[in-house]
Amino acid sequence: MDWRTLNPRVIAEFRQNAGKVSGFEGLPLILLQTKGARSGNRFDVPLIPVLEDARIFLFGTNAGSPKQPIWALNVLAHPRIVVEYEARIFEAIIEPLSCVDADVRLAQRAQDSEQLQQYLVNAAPRKVPVFEVCEIK
């Protein structure tokens, strides 16, 4: 899958349809507006979050790649971002979970997701980071 080709279509459709995108039916989808760690340029990144109660978590699986996702490196350098979720747009701080908390959350989710299990196997020995999106009120 070529994300450079897919992402612009997903982003455009997301914005036209209040967060609904064909091919992602039944899945939550968010857009992060991040700032490049080195370039300082703005990047829009569509992601499938993990929603728990009123909390939003992001797993940096990078589809099982051995490399960290660029968006994760960007939010570590510049944790203040803009989030688009459904028809809402809000500012947030991205907070990385501790290694222990990330491992627990990944293990819990992997029990119900063969795809996540495979991503974790493929990404090893890389540690998959987990982030919480904390809305600025």
C-alpha atoms as a PDB file:
ATOM      1  CA  MET A   1       0.000   0.000   0.000  1.00  0.00           C
ATOM      2  CA  ASP A   2       1.413   3.371  -0.995  1.00  0.00           C
ATOM      3  CA  TRP A   3       0.433   5.835   1.727  1.00  0.00           C
ATOM      4  CA  ARG A   4       1.699   8.801  -0.298  1.00  0.00           C
ATOM      5  CA  THR A   5      -0.994   8.032  -2.868  1.00  0.00           C
ATOM      6  CA  LEU A   6      -3.741   6.929  -0.480  1.00  0.00           C
ATOM      7  CA  ASN A   7      -3.427   9.614   2.215  1.00  0.00           C
ATOM      8  CA  PRO A   8      -4.364  12.664   0.078  1.00  0.00           C
ATOM      9  CA  ARG A   9      -7.564  10.902  -1.052  1.00  0.00           C
ATOM     10  CA  VAL A  10      -8.405   9.871   2.518  1.00  0.00           C
ATOM     11  CA  ILE A  11      -7.765  13.399   3.834  1.00  0.00           C
ATOM     12  CA  ALA A  12      -9.919  15.045   1.156  1.00  0.00           C
ATOM     13  CA  GLU A  13     -12.798  12.599   1.645  1.00  0.00           C
ATOM     14  CA  PHE A  14     -12.533  12.919   5.443  1.00  0.00           C
ATOM     15  CA  ARG A  15     -12.927  16.694   5.238  1.00  0.00           C
ATOM     16  CA  GLN A  16     -15.756  16.526   2.715  1.00  0.00           C
ATOM     17  CA  ASN A  17     -17.768  13.977   4.737  1.00  0.00           C
ATOM     18  CA  ALA A  18     -17.283  14.974   8.405  1.00  0.00           C
ATOM     19  CA  GLY A  19     -14.796  12.191   9.086  1.00  0.00           C
ATOM     20  CA  LYS A  20     -16.404   9.434   7.008  1.00  0.00           C
ATOM     21  CA  VAL A  21     -14.185   7.746   4.412  1.00  0.00           C
ATOM     22  CA  SER A  22     -15.066   4.878   2.084  1.00  0.00           C
ATOM     23  CA  GLY A  23     -13.068   1.770   2.889  1.00  0.00           C
ATOM     24  CA  PHE A  24     -12.941   2.716   6.572  1.00  0.00           C
ATOM     25  CA  GLU A  25     -16.596   2.028   7.418  1.00  0.00           C
ATOM     26  CA  GLY A  26     -17.059   1.107  11.058  1.00  0.00           C
ATOM     27  CA  LEU A  27     -13.618   2.411  12.013  1.00  0.00           C
ATOM     28  CA  PRO A  28     -12.910   5.681  13.780  1.00  0.00           C
ATOM     29  CA  LEU A  29     -10.636   7.957  11.801  1.00  0.00           C
ATOM     30  CA  ILE A  30      -8.809  11.117  12.851  1.00  0.00           C
ATOM     31  CA  LEU A  31      -6.525  13.592  11.142  1.00  0.00           C
ATOM     32  CA  LEU A  32      -3.488  14.949  12.915  1.00  0.00           C
ATOM     33  CA  GLN A  33      -2.003  18.253  11.836  1.00  0.00           C
ATOM     34  CA  THR A  34       1.614  17.801  12.888  1.00  0.00           C
ATOM     35  CA  LYS A  35       4.765  19.870  12.549  1.00  0.00           C
ATOM     36  CA  GLY A  36       7.818  18.246  10.976  1.00  0.00           C
ATOM     37  CA  ALA A  37      10.557  17.436  13.484  1.00  0.00           C
ATOM     38  CA  ARG A  38      13.289  18.715  11.172  1.00  0.00           C
ATOM     39  CA  SER A  39      11.513  20.773   8.518  1.00  0.00           C
ATOM     40  CA  GLY A  40       8.920  22.511  10.668  1.00  0.00           C
ATOM     41  CA  ASN A  41       6.451  21.991   7.800  1.00  0.00           C
ATOM     42  CA  ARG A  42       2.826  21.052   8.457  1.00  0.00           C
ATOM     43  CA  PHE A  43       1.768  17.490   7.732  1.00  0.00           C
ATOM     44  CA  ASP A  44      -1.775  16.103   7.764  1.00  0.00           C
ATOM     45  CA  VAL A  45      -1.843  12.466   8.825  1.00  0.00           C
ATOM     46  CA  PRO A  46      -4.922  10.210   8.810  1.00  0.00           C
ATOM     47  CA  LEU A  47      -4.861   7.579  11.559  1.00  0.00           C
ATOM     48  CA  ILE A  48      -7.173   5.008  13.087  1.00  0.00           C
ATOM     49  CA  PRO A  49      -7.221   5.744  16.819  1.00  0.00           C
ATOM     50  CA  VAL A  50      -8.105   3.483  19.703  1.00  0.00           C
ATOM     51  CA  LEU A  51     -11.030   5.046  21.556  1.00  0.00           C
ATOM     52  CA  GLU A  52     -11.568   4.130  25.205  1.00  0.00           C
ATOM     53  CA  ASP A  53     -14.331   5.971  27.009  1.00  0.00           C
ATOM     54  CA  ALA A  54     -13.514   9.624  26.300  1.00  0.00           C
ATOM     55  CA  ARG A  55      -9.809   8.933  25.687  1.00  0.00           C
ATOM     56  CA  ILE A  56      -8.009   8.751  22.342  1.00  0.00           C
ATOM     57  CA  PHE A  57      -4.896   6.604  21.885  1.00  0.00           C
ATOM     58  CA  LEU A  58      -2.623   6.233  18.868  1.00  0.00           C
ATOM     59  CA  PHE A  59      -0.426   3.204  18.212  1.00  0.00           C
ATOM     60  CA  GLY A  60       2.726   3.850  16.193  1.00  0.00           C
ATOM     61  CA  THR A  61       2.635   0.501  14.373  1.00  0.00           C
ATOM     62  CA  ASN A  62       3.582   1.916  10.970  1.00  0.00           C
ATOM     63  CA  ALA A  63       1.747  -1.139   9.552  1.00  0.00           C
ATOM     64  CA  GLY A  64       4.396  -3.407  11.089  1.00  0.00           C
ATOM     65  CA  SER A  65       7.391  -1.640   9.567  1.00  0.00           C
ATOM     66  CA  PRO A  66      10.713  -1.921  11.416  1.00  0.00           C
ATOM     67  CA  LYS A  67      10.921   1.907  11.254  1.00  0.00           C
ATOM     68  CA  GLN A  68       9.110   4.339  13.512  1.00  0.00           C
ATOM     69  CA  PRO A  69       6.317   6.210  11.740  1.00  0.00           C
ATOM     70  CA  ILE A  70       7.322   9.732  10.774  1.00  0.00           C
ATOM     71  CA  TRP A  71       4.244  11.177  12.476  1.00  0.00           C
ATOM     72  CA  ALA A  72       5.442   9.669  15.796  1.00  0.00           C
ATOM     73  CA  LEU A  73       8.850  11.322  15.460  1.00  0.00           C
ATOM     74  CA  ASN A  74       7.123  14.601  14.606  1.00  0.00           C
ATOM     75  CA  VAL A  75       4.811  14.567  17.647  1.00  0.00           C
ATOM     76  CA  LEU A  76       7.703  13.692  19.941  1.00  0.00           C
ATOM     77  CA  ALA A  77       9.504  16.806  18.692  1.00  0.00           C
ATOM     78  CA  HIS A  78       6.365  18.986  18.560  1.00  0.00           C
ATOM     79  CA  PRO A  79       3.638  17.511  20.805  1.00  0.00           C
ATOM     80  CA  ARG A  80       1.147  20.361  20.365  1.00  0.00           C
ATOM     81  CA  ILE A  81      -1.058  19.470  17.400  1.00  0.00           C
ATOM     82  CA  VAL A  82      -4.454  20.041  15.835  1.00  0.00           C
ATOM     83  CA  VAL A  83      -6.844  17.084  15.660  1.00  0.00           C
ATOM     84  CA  GLU A  84      -9.783  16.648  13.317  1.00  0.00           C
ATOM     85  CA  TYR A  85     -12.270  14.035  14.528  1.00  0.00           C
ATOM     86  CA  GLU A  86     -15.669  13.633  12.906  1.00  0.00           C
ATOM     87  CA  ALA A  87     -16.869  17.239  12.486  1.00  0.00           C
ATOM     88  CA  ARG A  88     -14.721  18.605  15.355  1.00  0.00           C
ATOM     89  CA  ILE A  89     -11.385  20.382  15.170  1.00  0.00           C
ATOM     90  CA  PHE A  90      -9.446  20.903  18.398  1.00  0.00           C
ATOM     91  CA  GLU A  91      -5.954  21.542  19.723  1.00  0.00           C
ATOM     92  CA  ALA A  92      -4.279  18.796  21.691  1.00  0.00           C
ATOM     93  CA  ILE A  93      -1.069  17.667  23.291  1.00  0.00           C
ATOM     94  CA  ILE A  94       0.222  14.227  22.351  1.00  0.00           C
ATOM     95  CA  GLU A  95       1.653  12.415  25.354  1.00  0.00           C
ATOM     96  CA  PRO A  96       3.705   9.229  24.952  1.00  0.00           C
ATOM     97  CA  LEU A  97       2.811   6.444  27.358  1.00  0.00           C
ATOM     98  CA  SER A  98       5.567   4.882  29.438  1.00  0.00           C
ATOM     99  CA  CYS A  99       7.037   1.660  28.033  1.00  0.00           C
ATOM    100  CA  VAL A 100       5.182  -0.386  30.645  1.00  0.00           C
ATOM    101  CA  ASP A 101       1.819   1.304  29.993  1.00  0.00           C
ATOM    102  CA  ALA A 102       2.336   1.043  26.225  1.00  0.00           C
ATOM    103  CA  ASP A 103       3.145  -2.673  26.477  1.00  0.00           C
ATOM    104  CA  VAL A 104       0.034  -3.318  28.575  1.00  0.00           C
ATOM    105  CA  ARG A 105      -2.234  -1.388  26.205  1.00  0.00           C
ATOM    106  CA  LEU A 106      -0.738  -3.085  23.123  1.00  0.00           C
ATOM    107  CA  ALA A 107      -1.110  -6.543  24.683  1.00  0.00           C
ATOM    108  CA  GLN A 108      -4.742  -5.853  25.595  1.00  0.00           C
ATOM    109  CA  ARG A 109      -5.591  -4.694  22.069  1.00  0.00           C
ATOM    110  CA  ALA A 110      -3.616  -7.466  20.375  1.00  0.00           C
ATOM    111  CA  GLN A 111      -5.810 -10.070  22.089  1.00  0.00           C
ATOM    112  CA  ASP A 112      -8.690  -8.929  19.869  1.00  0.00           C
ATOM    113  CA  SER A 113      -6.788  -8.044  16.694  1.00  0.00           C
ATOM    114  CA  GLU A 114      -4.845 -10.495  14.556  1.00  0.00           C
ATOM    115  CA  GLN A 115      -3.715  -7.571  12.417  1.00  0.00           C
ATOM    116  CA  LEU A 116      -2.180  -5.800  15.421  1.00  0.00           C
ATOM    117  CA  GLN A 117      -0.538  -9.070  16.497  1.00  0.00           C
ATOM    118  CA  GLN A 118       1.068  -9.346  13.052  1.00  0.00           C
ATOM    119  CA  TYR A 119       2.157  -5.697  13.077  1.00  0.00           C
ATOM    120  CA  LEU A 120       3.883  -6.222  16.435  1.00  0.00           C
ATOM    121  CA  VAL A 121       5.674  -9.350  15.176  1.00  0.00           C
ATOM    122  CA  ASN A 122       6.784  -7.618  11.977  1.00  0.00           C
ATOM    123  CA  ALA A 123       7.935  -4.463  13.786  1.00  0.00           C
ATOM    124  CA  ALA A 124      10.116  -6.358  16.292  1.00  0.00           C
ATOM    125  CA  PRO A 125      12.554  -5.613  17.763  1.00  0.00           C
ATOM    126  CA  ARG A 126      11.272  -2.034  17.404  1.00  0.00           C
ATOM    127  CA  LYS A 127       9.122  -0.917  20.328  1.00  0.00           C
ATOM    128  CA  VAL A 128       5.761   0.327  19.075  1.00  0.00           C
ATOM    129  CA  PRO A 129       5.036   3.643  20.786  1.00  0.00           C
ATOM    130  CA  VAL A 130       1.603   4.446  22.178  1.00  0.00           C
ATOM    131  CA  PHE A 131       0.393   8.016  22.574  1.00  0.00           C
ATOM    132  CA  GLU A 132      -2.596   9.629  24.227  1.00  0.00           C
ATOM    133  CA  VAL A 133      -4.281  12.600  22.576  1.00  0.00           C
ATOM    134  CA  CYS A 134      -5.101  15.098  25.327  1.00  0.00           C
ATOM    135  CA  GLU A 135      -7.454  17.854  24.215  1.00  0.00           C
ATOM    136  CA  ILE A 136      -6.516  21.370  25.312  1.00  0.00           C
ATOM    137  CA  LYS A 137      -9.650  22.885  26.847  1.00  0.00           C
END
